[in-house]
């Protein structure tokens, strides 16, 4: 038990570059080469603060540092930027820089405020996270692959649903949703095969879109039905550019068919 207490009281290396500053729980024990923590588990990690009811820390090599973290039961992760992740189970491999998140059958995984700028909330039933090492020696979320029943709320006016979505946290962060996509904005509804939402310049790209535009931002007191091969919506300028097999229909006055 002395070894377990030492690990609870002093910092523990999770890899050559990724460390924890503290680990605590109500109970701790060793299971072969794994450290098992039970009850009010808290792990301070360079990714952020991890909390759960049960945790298991494993070593890739018998003589090496702990590099794998399994979290179970009411998992809550507070990121360094104060964003949050909520799920039922999380498995992290900081050697491979990958994580898998799981939800209960009737629940979902929740991500909130994972990026700067307008509030971003994402929920899904399953997710794979890829991490990237930072110059400081810590890690950050580089990508989130959201699978099954994806809901995204961006800012105050945009809601996006899809079967799948990819969040990329690079120099120009973006979200790509695909399969059965639907974006709603006030009273506007746009279905598309794929939707790319830029998180830096507020531009949205739609592939094979069709829908209804009736927000006064676009057409005052009008309802417009449209379809085309590609739509670019530049939100800052309130500019819509439709290309390829364009069809625009006003219910009372007119129709337009063109290429662009």
Foldseek 3Di string as FASTA:
>chain_A
DVVFVVQQPQKFDQAPQKTWGHWDAPDWDDDQQKIKGAHFIWIGILQFIKTAGIKIFHDPDSPGTTFKMKGAHFIWGQGPVRKIKTAGIKIAGRVQQKMKGAHPPVDWIWTWPLDDDFTKIKIAGIKMWGWDADPNSHIHTAKIKGAAFMWMDTHDFKIKTARIKMWGDDPWTKMKGAHFIWIGGPPWIKTARMWIATRPQRKIKGAFIWTWDDPVLAPDPWIKTKTAGMWIQRPVVRDIDGAHQIWIDTPPDDIDTDGD
